[in-house]
PDB file of N, CA and C in Angstrom:
ATOM      1  N   MET A   1     -70.776  -3.571 -16.468  1.00  0.00           N
ATOM      2  CA  MET A   1     -70.148  -2.421 -17.103  1.00  0.00           C
ATOM      3  C   MET A   1     -70.834  -1.148 -16.606  1.00  0.00           C
ATOM      4  N   PRO A   2     -70.052  -0.181 -16.140  1.00  0.00           N
ATOM      5  CA  PRO A   2     -70.650   1.069 -15.658  1.00  0.00           C
ATOM      6  C   PRO A   2     -71.226   1.884 -16.816  1.00  0.00           C
ATOM      7  N   ASN A   3     -72.217   2.708 -16.500  1.00  0.00           N
ATOM      8  CA  ASN A   3     -72.762   3.580 -17.538  1.00  0.00           C
ATOM      9  C   ASN A   3     -71.894   4.833 -17.678  1.00  0.00           C
ATOM     10  N   HIS A   4     -72.244   5.659 -18.635  1.00  0.00           N
ATOM     11  CA  HIS A   4     -71.457   6.859 -18.947  1.00  0.00           C
ATOM     12  C   HIS A   4     -71.311   7.776 -17.726  1.00  0.00           C
ATOM     13  N   ALA A   5     -72.402   8.000 -17.005  1.00  0.00           N
ATOM     14  CA  ALA A   5     -72.369   8.891 -15.842  1.00  0.00           C
ATOM     15  C   ALA A   5     -71.481   8.329 -14.731  1.00  0.00           C
ATOM     16  N   GLU A   6     -71.559   7.023 -14.506  1.00  0.00           N
ATOM     17  CA  GLU A   6     -70.719   6.394 -13.480  1.00  0.00           C
ATOM     18  C   GLU A   6     -69.240   6.494 -13.843  1.00  0.00           C
ATOM     19  N   LEU A   7     -68.930   6.225 -15.104  1.00  0.00           N
ATOM     20  CA  LEU A   7     -67.537   6.332 -15.553  1.00  0.00           C
ATOM     21  C   LEU A   7     -67.027   7.755 -15.427  1.00  0.00           C
ATOM     22  N   SER A   8     -67.839   8.705 -15.854  1.00  0.00           N
ATOM     23  CA  SER A   8     -67.447  10.109 -15.789  1.00  0.00           C
ATOM     24  C   SER A   8     -67.167  10.525 -14.350  1.00  0.00           C
ATOM     25  N   ALA A   9     -68.058  10.173 -13.435  1.00  0.00           N
ATOM     26  CA  ALA A   9     -67.872  10.516 -12.025  1.00  0.00           C
ATOM     27  C   ALA A   9     -66.629   9.841 -11.454  1.00  0.00           C
ATOM     28  N   PHE A  10     -66.416   8.579 -11.803  1.00  0.00           N
ATOM     29  CA  PHE A  10     -65.252   7.846 -11.314  1.00  0.00           C
ATOM     30  C   PHE A  10     -63.955   8.497 -11.793  1.00  0.00           C
ATOM     31  N   ILE A  11     -63.884   8.813 -13.083  1.00  0.00           N
ATOM     32  CA  ILE A  11     -62.684   9.430 -13.648  1.00  0.00           C
ATOM     33  C   ILE A  11     -62.450  10.800 -13.017  1.00  0.00           C
ATOM     34  N   CYS A  12     -63.498  11.606 -12.917  1.00  0.00           N
ATOM     35  CA  CYS A  12     -63.368  12.944 -12.332  1.00  0.00           C
ATOM     36  C   CYS A  12     -62.874  12.878 -10.889  1.00  0.00           C
ATOM     37  N   ASP A  13     -63.501  12.029 -10.094  1.00  0.00           N
ATOM     38  CA  ASP A  13     -63.118  11.911  -8.687  1.00  0.00           C
ATOM     39  C   ASP A  13     -61.697  11.379  -8.528  1.00  0.00           C
ATOM     40  N   THR A  14     -61.361  10.364  -9.302  1.00  0.00           N
ATOM     41  CA  THR A  14     -60.036   9.753  -9.195  1.00  0.00           C
ATOM     42  C   THR A  14     -58.944  10.729  -9.604  1.00  0.00           C
ATOM     43  N   PHE A  15     -59.115  11.385 -10.745  1.00  0.00           N
ATOM     44  CA  PHE A  15     -58.097  12.332 -11.202  1.00  0.00           C
ATOM     45  C   PHE A  15     -57.983  13.504 -10.230  1.00  0.00           C
ATOM     46  N   SER A  16     -59.102  14.004  -9.755  1.00  0.00           N
ATOM     47  CA  SER A  16     -59.098  15.109  -8.799  1.00  0.00           C
ATOM     48  C   SER A  16     -58.307  14.740  -7.546  1.00  0.00           C
ATOM     49  N   ARG A  17     -58.507  13.535  -7.072  1.00  0.00           N
ATOM     50  CA  ARG A  17     -57.785  13.059  -5.889  1.00  0.00           C
ATOM     51  C   ARG A  17     -56.281  12.992  -6.153  1.00  0.00           C
ATOM     52  N   HIS A  18     -55.899  12.534  -7.341  1.00  0.00           N
ATOM     53  CA  HIS A  18     -54.471  12.394  -7.649  1.00  0.00           C
ATOM     54  C   HIS A  18     -53.768  13.734  -7.838  1.00  0.00           C
ATOM     55  N   VAL A  19     -54.477  14.739  -8.304  1.00  0.00           N
ATOM     56  CA  VAL A  19     -53.844  16.054  -8.484  1.00  0.00           C
ATOM     57  C   VAL A  19     -54.068  16.962  -7.282  1.00  0.00           C
ATOM     58  N   GLU A  20     -54.899  16.503  -6.341  1.00  0.00           N
ATOM     59  CA  GLU A  20     -55.207  17.250  -5.117  1.00  0.00           C
ATOM     60  C   GLU A  20     -55.792  18.630  -5.409  1.00  0.00           C
ATOM     61  N   ILE A  21     -56.751  18.664  -6.322  1.00  0.00           N
ATOM     62  CA  ILE A  21     -57.513  19.877  -6.621  1.00  0.00           C
ATOM     63  C   ILE A  21     -58.985  19.503  -6.502  1.00  0.00           C
ATOM     64  N   GLU A  22     -59.745  20.316  -5.793  1.00  0.00           N
ATOM     65  CA  GLU A  22     -61.174  20.046  -5.630  1.00  0.00           C
ATOM     66  C   GLU A  22     -61.854  19.951  -6.993  1.00  0.00           C
ATOM     67  N   PRO A  23     -62.758  18.984  -7.168  1.00  0.00           N
ATOM     68  CA  PRO A  23     -63.443  18.820  -8.457  1.00  0.00           C
ATOM     69  C   PRO A  23     -64.145  20.085  -8.943  1.00  0.00           C
ATOM     70  N   GLU A  24     -64.699  20.864  -8.010  1.00  0.00           N
ATOM     71  CA  GLU A  24     -65.395  22.092  -8.397  1.00  0.00           C
ATOM     72  C   GLU A  24     -64.448  23.079  -9.071  1.00  0.00           C
ATOM     73  N   VAL A  25     -63.216  23.128  -8.612  1.00  0.00           N
ATOM     74  CA  VAL A  25     -62.210  24.015  -9.204  1.00  0.00           C
ATOM     75  C   VAL A  25     -61.681  23.401 -10.495  1.00  0.00           C
ATOM     76  N   LEU A  26     -61.309  22.148 -10.427  1.00  0.00           N
ATOM     77  CA  LEU A  26     -60.704  21.459 -11.563  1.00  0.00           C
ATOM     78  C   LEU A  26     -61.622  21.446 -12.780  1.00  0.00           C
ATOM     79  N   TYR A  27     -62.857  21.028 -12.575  1.00  0.00           N
ATOM     80  CA  TYR A  27     -63.791  20.887 -13.699  1.00  0.00           C
ATOM     81  C   TYR A  27     -64.685  22.108 -13.876  1.00  0.00           C
ATOM     82  N   GLY A  28     -65.003  22.784 -12.778  1.00  0.00           N
ATOM     83  CA  GLY A  28     -65.849  23.974 -12.861  1.00  0.00           C
ATOM     84  C   GLY A  28     -65.189  25.091 -13.643  1.00  0.00           C
ATOM     85  N   GLU A  29     -63.890  25.229 -13.461  1.00  0.00           N
ATOM     86  CA  GLU A  29     -63.136  26.255 -14.181  1.00  0.00           C
ATOM     87  C   GLU A  29     -62.529  25.701 -15.463  1.00  0.00           C
ATOM     88  N   ASP A  30     -62.719  24.404 -15.723  1.00  0.00           N
ATOM     89  CA  ASP A  30     -62.183  23.730 -16.909  1.00  0.00           C
ATOM     90  C   ASP A  30     -60.708  24.085 -17.108  1.00  0.00           C
ATOM     91  N   LEU A  31     -59.921  23.802 -16.074  1.00  0.00           N
ATOM     92  CA  LEU A  31     -58.502  24.155 -16.081  1.00  0.00           C
ATOM     93  C   LEU A  31     -57.760  23.503 -17.244  1.00  0.00           C
ATOM     94  N   SER A  32     -56.788  24.213 -17.759  1.00  0.00           N
ATOM     95  CA  SER A  32     -55.892  23.632 -18.765  1.00  0.00           C
ATOM     96  C   SER A  32     -54.902  22.731 -18.038  1.00  0.00           C
ATOM     97  N   LEU A  33     -54.217  21.897 -18.793  1.00  0.00           N
ATOM     98  CA  LEU A  33     -53.226  21.018 -18.173  1.00  0.00           C
ATOM     99  C   LEU A  33     -52.120  21.839 -17.508  1.00  0.00           C
ATOM    100  N   ALA A  34     -51.721  22.935 -18.134  1.00  0.00           N
ATOM    101  CA  ALA A  34     -50.700  23.808 -17.534  1.00  0.00           C
ATOM    102  C   ALA A  34     -51.203  24.401 -16.221  1.00  0.00           C
ATOM    103  N   ALA A  35     -52.471  24.805 -16.187  1.00  0.00           N
ATOM    104  CA  ALA A  35     -53.045  25.370 -14.962  1.00  0.00           C
ATOM    105  C   ALA A  35     -53.144  24.316 -13.866  1.00  0.00           C
ATOM    106  N   ILE A  36     -53.393  23.074 -14.250  1.00  0.00           N
ATOM    107  CA  ILE A  36     -53.440  21.991 -13.259  1.00  0.00           C
ATOM    108  C   ILE A  36     -52.073  21.836 -12.607  1.00  0.00           C
ATOM    109  N   ILE A  37     -51.024  21.840 -13.412  1.00  0.00           N
ATOM    110  CA  ILE A  37     -49.666  21.722 -12.869  1.00  0.00           C
ATOM    111  C   ILE A  37     -49.379  22.882 -11.922  1.00  0.00           C
ATOM    112  N   LYS A  38     -49.777  24.072 -12.311  1.00  0.00           N
ATOM    113  CA  LYS A  38     -49.521  25.271 -11.503  1.00  0.00           C
ATOM    114  C   LYS A  38     -50.349  25.275 -10.215  1.00  0.00           C
ATOM    115  N   THR A  39     -51.592  24.799 -10.283  1.00  0.00           N
ATOM    116  CA  THR A  39     -52.516  24.854  -9.149  1.00  0.00           C
ATOM    117  C   THR A  39     -52.314  23.714  -8.157  1.00  0.00           C
ATOM    118  N   SER A  40     -51.938  22.565  -8.647  1.00  0.00           N
ATOM    119  CA  SER A  40     -51.808  21.386  -7.791  1.00  0.00           C
ATOM    120  C   SER A  40     -50.654  21.538  -6.802  1.00  0.00           C
ATOM    121  N   PRO A  41     -50.909  21.252  -5.529  1.00  0.00           N
ATOM    122  CA  PRO A  41     -49.834  21.342  -4.544  1.00  0.00           C
ATOM    123  C   PRO A  41     -48.804  20.215  -4.656  1.00  0.00           C
ATOM    124  N   LYS A  42     -49.115  19.180  -5.436  1.00  0.00           N
ATOM    125  CA  LYS A  42     -48.175  18.062  -5.507  1.00  0.00           C
ATOM    126  C   LYS A  42     -47.493  17.927  -6.860  1.00  0.00           C
ATOM    127  N   MET A  43     -47.722  18.870  -7.777  1.00  0.00           N
ATOM    128  CA  MET A  43     -47.135  18.770  -9.114  1.00  0.00           C
ATOM    129  C   MET A  43     -46.103  19.863  -9.340  1.00  0.00           C
ATOM    130  N   THR A  44     -45.016  19.453 -10.002  1.00  0.00           N
ATOM    131  CA  THR A  44     -43.995  20.431 -10.364  1.00  0.00           C
ATOM    132  C   THR A  44     -43.754  20.487 -11.867  1.00  0.00           C
ATOM    133  N   ASN A  45     -44.166  19.441 -12.591  1.00  0.00           N
ATOM    134  CA  ASN A  45     -43.937  19.432 -14.041  1.00  0.00           C
ATOM    135  C   ASN A  45     -44.900  18.470 -14.737  1.00  0.00           C
ATOM    136  N   SER A  46     -44.751  18.356 -16.047  1.00  0.00           N
ATOM    137  CA  SER A  46     -45.668  17.522 -16.827  1.00  0.00           C
ATOM    138  C   SER A  46     -45.506  16.028 -16.534  1.00  0.00           C
ATOM    139  N   VAL A  47     -44.368  15.628 -16.022  1.00  0.00           N
ATOM    140  CA  VAL A  47     -44.184  14.222 -15.646  1.00  0.00           C
ATOM    141  C   VAL A  47     -45.144  13.870 -14.507  1.00  0.00           C
ATOM    142  N   ASP A  48     -45.285  14.772 -13.548  1.00  0.00           N
ATOM    143  CA  ASP A  48     -46.236  14.553 -12.455  1.00  0.00           C
ATOM    144  C   ASP A  48     -47.661  14.437 -12.995  1.00  0.00           C
ATOM    145  N   LEU A  49     -47.981  15.246 -13.991  1.00  0.00           N
ATOM    146  CA  LEU A  49     -49.305  15.197 -14.611  1.00  0.00           C
ATOM    147  C   LEU A  49     -49.522  13.854 -15.301  1.00  0.00           C
ATOM    148  N   MET A  50     -48.527  13.385 -16.030  1.00  0.00           N
ATOM    149  CA  MET A  50     -48.632  12.091 -16.706  1.00  0.00           C
ATOM    150  C   MET A  50     -48.819  10.959 -15.694  1.00  0.00           C
ATOM    151  N   GLU A  51     -48.155  11.060 -14.553  1.00  0.00           N
ATOM    152  CA  GLU A  51     -48.320  10.048 -13.508  1.00  0.00           C
ATOM    153  C   GLU A  51     -49.746  10.053 -12.965  1.00  0.00           C
ATOM    154  N   ALA A  52     -50.343  11.230 -12.826  1.00  0.00           N
ATOM    155  CA  ALA A  52     -51.734  11.317 -12.358  1.00  0.00           C
ATOM    156  C   ALA A  52     -52.676  10.682 -13.378  1.00  0.00           C
ATOM    157  N   PHE A  53     -52.422  10.914 -14.666  1.00  0.00           N
ATOM    158  CA  PHE A  53     -53.227  10.267 -15.705  1.00  0.00           C
ATOM    159  C   PHE A  53     -53.050   8.750 -15.652  1.00  0.00           C
ATOM    160  N   ALA A  54     -51.816   8.304 -15.478  1.00  0.00           N
ATOM    161  CA  ALA A  54     -51.541   6.862 -15.421  1.00  0.00           C
ATOM    162  C   ALA A  54     -52.225   6.224 -14.218  1.00  0.00           C
ATOM    163  N   ARG A  55     -52.199   6.897 -13.082  1.00  0.00           N
ATOM    164  CA  ARG A  55     -52.872   6.365 -11.892  1.00  0.00           C
ATOM    165  C   ARG A  55     -54.386   6.289 -12.102  1.00  0.00           C
ATOM    166  N   THR A  56     -54.925   7.288 -12.780  1.00  0.00           N
ATOM    167  CA  THR A  56     -56.360   7.284 -13.073  1.00  0.00           C
ATOM    168  C   THR A  56     -56.702   6.140 -14.020  1.00  0.00           C
ATOM    169  N   ALA A  57     -55.893   5.963 -15.054  1.00  0.00           N
ATOM    170  CA  ALA A  57     -56.108   4.859 -15.998  1.00  0.00           C
ATOM    171  C   ALA A  57     -55.968   3.513 -15.288  1.00  0.00           C
ATOM    172  N   ASN A  58     -55.011   3.402 -14.388  1.00  0.00           N
ATOM    173  CA  ASN A  58     -54.816   2.162 -13.642  1.00  0.00           C
ATOM    174  C   ASN A  58     -56.011   1.877 -12.730  1.00  0.00           C
ATOM    175  N   ALA A  59     -56.564   2.913 -12.123  1.00  0.00           N
ATOM    176  CA  ALA A  59     -57.749   2.734 -11.278  1.00  0.00           C
ATOM    177  C   ALA A  59     -58.933   2.249 -12.109  1.00  0.00           C
ATOM    178  N   LEU A  60     -59.070   2.763 -13.323  1.00  0.00           N
ATOM    179  CA  LEU A  60     -60.128   2.294 -14.231  1.00  0.00           C
ATOM    180  C   LEU A  60     -59.963   0.809 -14.526  1.00  0.00           C
ATOM    181  N   ARG A  61     -58.728   0.414 -14.780  1.00  0.00           N
ATOM    182  CA  ARG A  61     -58.450  -0.990 -15.083  1.00  0.00           C
ATOM    183  C   ARG A  61     -58.742  -1.878 -13.881  1.00  0.00           C
ATOM    184  N   LYS A  62     -58.291  -1.470 -12.704  1.00  0.00           N
ATOM    185  CA  LYS A  62     -58.489  -2.288 -11.507  1.00  0.00           C
ATOM    186  C   LYS A  62     -59.951  -2.349 -11.073  1.00  0.00           C
ATOM    187  N   THR A  63     -60.655  -1.242 -11.190  1.00  0.00           N
ATOM    188  CA  THR A  63     -62.034  -1.176 -10.718  1.00  0.00           C
ATOM    189  C   THR A  63     -63.030  -1.752 -11.708  1.00  0.00           C
ATOM    190  N   TRP A  64     -62.876  -1.405 -12.986  1.00  0.00           N
ATOM    191  CA  TRP A  64     -63.860  -1.778 -13.995  1.00  0.00           C
ATOM    192  C   TRP A  64     -63.316  -2.730 -15.060  1.00  0.00           C
ATOM    193  N   GLY A  65     -62.016  -3.013 -15.031  1.00  0.00           N
ATOM    194  CA  GLY A  65     -61.436  -3.870 -16.065  1.00  0.00           C
ATOM    195  C   GLY A  65     -61.324  -3.182 -17.416  1.00  0.00           C
ATOM    196  N   ILE A  66     -61.284  -1.847 -17.405  1.00  0.00           N
ATOM    197  CA  ILE A  66     -61.236  -1.062 -18.645  1.00  0.00           C
ATOM    198  C   ILE A  66     -59.830  -0.501 -18.823  1.00  0.00           C
ATOM    199  N   ARG A  67     -59.236  -0.804 -19.963  1.00  0.00           N
ATOM    200  CA  ARG A  67     -57.900  -0.285 -20.278  1.00  0.00           C
ATOM    201  C   ARG A  67     -58.026   0.893 -21.236  1.00  0.00           C
ATOM    202  N   VAL A  68     -57.405   2.001 -20.861  1.00  0.00           N
ATOM    203  CA  VAL A  68     -57.429   3.188 -21.721  1.00  0.00           C
ATOM    204  C   VAL A  68     -56.008   3.653 -21.994  1.00  0.00           C
ATOM    205  N   ARG A  69     -55.853   4.302 -23.127  1.00  0.00           N
ATOM    206  CA  ARG A  69     -54.570   4.915 -23.487  1.00  0.00           C
ATOM    207  C   ARG A  69     -54.857   6.346 -23.887  1.00  0.00           C
ATOM    208  N   LEU A  70     -54.076   7.245 -23.363  1.00  0.00           N
ATOM    209  CA  LEU A  70     -54.252   8.652 -23.707  1.00  0.00           C
ATOM    210  C   LEU A  70     -53.179   9.089 -24.685  1.00  0.00           C
ATOM    211  N   PRO A  71     -53.554   9.903 -25.655  1.00  0.00           N
ATOM    212  CA  PRO A  71     -52.554  10.437 -26.577  1.00  0.00           C
ATOM    213  C   PRO A  71     -51.752  11.546 -25.894  1.00  0.00           C
ATOM    214  N   THR A  72     -50.702  11.966 -26.537  1.00  0.00           N
ATOM    215  CA  THR A  72     -49.957  13.124 -26.064  1.00  0.00           C
ATOM    216  C   THR A  72     -50.831  14.352 -26.268  1.00  0.00           C
ATOM    217  N   LEU A  73     -50.930  15.172 -25.244  1.00  0.00           N
ATOM    218  CA  LEU A  73     -51.784  16.353 -25.303  1.00  0.00           C
ATOM    219  C   LEU A  73     -50.971  17.604 -24.984  1.00  0.00           C
ATOM    220  N   PRO A  74     -51.226  18.703 -25.682  1.00  0.00           N
ATOM    221  CA  PRO A  74     -50.528  19.952 -25.358  1.00  0.00           C
ATOM    222  C   PRO A  74     -51.007  20.497 -24.011  1.00  0.00           C
ATOM    223  N   LEU A  75     -50.184  21.294 -23.375  1.00  0.00           N
ATOM    224  CA  LEU A  75     -50.508  21.804 -22.046  1.00  0.00           C
ATOM    225  C   LEU A  75     -51.659  22.801 -22.037  1.00  0.00           C
ATOM    226  N   ASP A  76     -52.065  23.293 -23.199  1.00  0.00           N
ATOM    227  CA  ASP A  76     -53.220  24.200 -23.225  1.00  0.00           C
ATOM    228  C   ASP A  76     -54.544  23.444 -23.377  1.00  0.00           C
ATOM    229  N   THR A  77     -54.495  22.118 -23.365  1.00  0.00           N
ATOM    230  CA  THR A  77     -55.702  21.296 -23.458  1.00  0.00           C
ATOM    231  C   THR A  77     -56.521  21.445 -22.180  1.00  0.00           C
ATOM    232  N   PRO A  78     -57.820  21.734 -22.296  1.00  0.00           N
ATOM    233  CA  PRO A  78     -58.658  21.817 -21.092  1.00  0.00           C
ATOM    234  C   PRO A  78     -58.953  20.427 -20.535  1.00  0.00           C
ATOM    235  N   VAL A  79     -59.153  20.362 -19.238  1.00  0.00           N
ATOM    236  CA  VAL A  79     -59.398  19.078 -18.584  1.00  0.00           C
ATOM    237  C   VAL A  79     -60.684  18.425 -19.104  1.00  0.00           C
ATOM    238  N   SER A  80     -61.640  19.209 -19.566  1.00  0.00           N
ATOM    239  CA  SER A  80     -62.866  18.621 -20.131  1.00  0.00           C
ATOM    240  C   SER A  80     -62.549  17.785 -21.368  1.00  0.00           C
ATOM    241  N   ARG A  81     -61.570  18.213 -22.148  1.00  0.00           N
ATOM    242  CA  ARG A  81     -61.162  17.451 -23.339  1.00  0.00           C
ATOM    243  C   ARG A  81     -60.502  16.135 -22.919  1.00  0.00           C
ATOM    244  N   VAL A  82     -59.705  16.169 -21.866  1.00  0.00           N
ATOM    245  CA  VAL A  82     -59.070  14.954 -21.354  1.00  0.00           C
ATOM    246  C   VAL A  82     -60.146  13.971 -20.879  1.00  0.00           C
ATOM    247  N   LEU A  83     -61.151  14.482 -20.179  1.00  0.00           N
ATOM    248  CA  LEU A  83     -62.249  13.628 -19.728  1.00  0.00           C
ATOM    249  C   LEU A  83     -62.961  12.998 -20.920  1.00  0.00           C
ATOM    250  N   ASP A  84     -63.210  13.790 -21.965  1.00  0.00           N
ATOM    251  CA  ASP A  84     -63.846  13.260 -23.179  1.00  0.00           C
ATOM    252  C   ASP A  84     -63.024  12.127 -23.792  1.00  0.00           C
ATOM    253  N   ILE A  85     -61.704  12.302 -23.806  1.00  0.00           N
ATOM    254  CA  ILE A  85     -60.822  11.274 -24.373  1.00  0.00           C
ATOM    255  C   ILE A  85     -60.858  10.012 -23.511  1.00  0.00           C
ATOM    256  N   PHE A  86     -60.798  10.178 -22.187  1.00  0.00           N
ATOM    257  CA  PHE A  86     -60.905   9.029 -21.283  1.00  0.00           C
ATOM    258  C   PHE A  86     -62.197   8.266 -21.550  1.00  0.00           C
ATOM    259  N   LEU A  87     -63.309   8.986 -21.653  1.00  0.00           N
ATOM    260  CA  LEU A  87     -64.612   8.346 -21.858  1.00  0.00           C
ATOM    261  C   LEU A  87     -64.701   7.667 -23.220  1.00  0.00           C
ATOM    262  N   ALA A  88     -64.141   8.288 -24.252  1.00  0.00           N
ATOM    263  CA  ALA A  88     -64.151   7.679 -25.586  1.00  0.00           C
ATOM    264  C   ALA A  88     -63.310   6.403 -25.596  1.00  0.00           C
ATOM    265  N   GLU A  89     -62.160   6.446 -24.963  1.00  0.00           N
ATOM    266  CA  GLU A  89     -61.303   5.260 -24.874  1.00  0.00           C
ATOM    267  C   GLU A  89     -62.004   4.143 -24.094  1.00  0.00           C
ATOM    268  N   ALA A  90     -62.691   4.507 -23.026  1.00  0.00           N
ATOM    269  CA  ALA A  90     -63.408   3.507 -22.229  1.00  0.00           C
ATOM    270  C   ALA A  90     -64.532   2.874 -23.038  1.00  0.00           C
ATOM    271  N   ALA A  91     -65.213   3.667 -23.851  1.00  0.00           N
ATOM    272  CA  ALA A  91     -66.302   3.143 -24.683  1.00  0.00           C
ATOM    273  C   ALA A  91     -65.770   2.149 -25.708  1.00  0.00           C
ATOM    274  N   VAL A  92     -64.613   2.441 -26.283  1.00  0.00           N
ATOM    275  CA  VAL A  92     -63.996   1.535 -27.260  1.00  0.00           C
ATOM    276  C   VAL A  92     -63.560   0.242 -26.568  1.00  0.00           C
ATOM    277  N   ALA A  93     -63.019   0.367 -25.358  1.00  0.00           N
ATOM    278  CA  ALA A  93     -62.530  -0.798 -24.617  1.00  0.00           C
ATOM    279  C   ALA A  93     -63.667  -1.705 -24.150  1.00  0.00           C
ATOM    280  N   ALA A  94     -64.839  -1.124 -23.977  1.00  0.00           N
ATOM    281  CA  ALA A  94     -65.988  -1.912 -23.496  1.00  0.00           C
ATOM    282  C   ALA A  94     -66.500  -2.727 -24.616  1.00  0.00           C
TER     283      ALA A  94
END
C-alpha cells in the first residue's frame, strides 16, 4: 500500500497529465474546476473534466488496487479540495 505522499504525487501527476496542465500551474495556483476547463487545451465542458477524474480514479485502481468515488462538486471547487477528497477516499478504501 502506498503512503500518503506517494498517493498524493500519483494523483497529482495522473490528473495533470489527463487535463494537460503543468502541475505547477494546476496545483500551484490551486485552480478551480471551472478554471481547469478554461485552461486545459483538451477540455470544452464539465463532461471532459469528469472523464479526467474517472481516468485518474481508474489509474488508481489499476496501479494500487484502490477504488475511489468522487461526489458531485461545484465548478468553483479548488483542485486542492478535489485532491483531499481523492486522498480521503483512498484512505477509506485501504
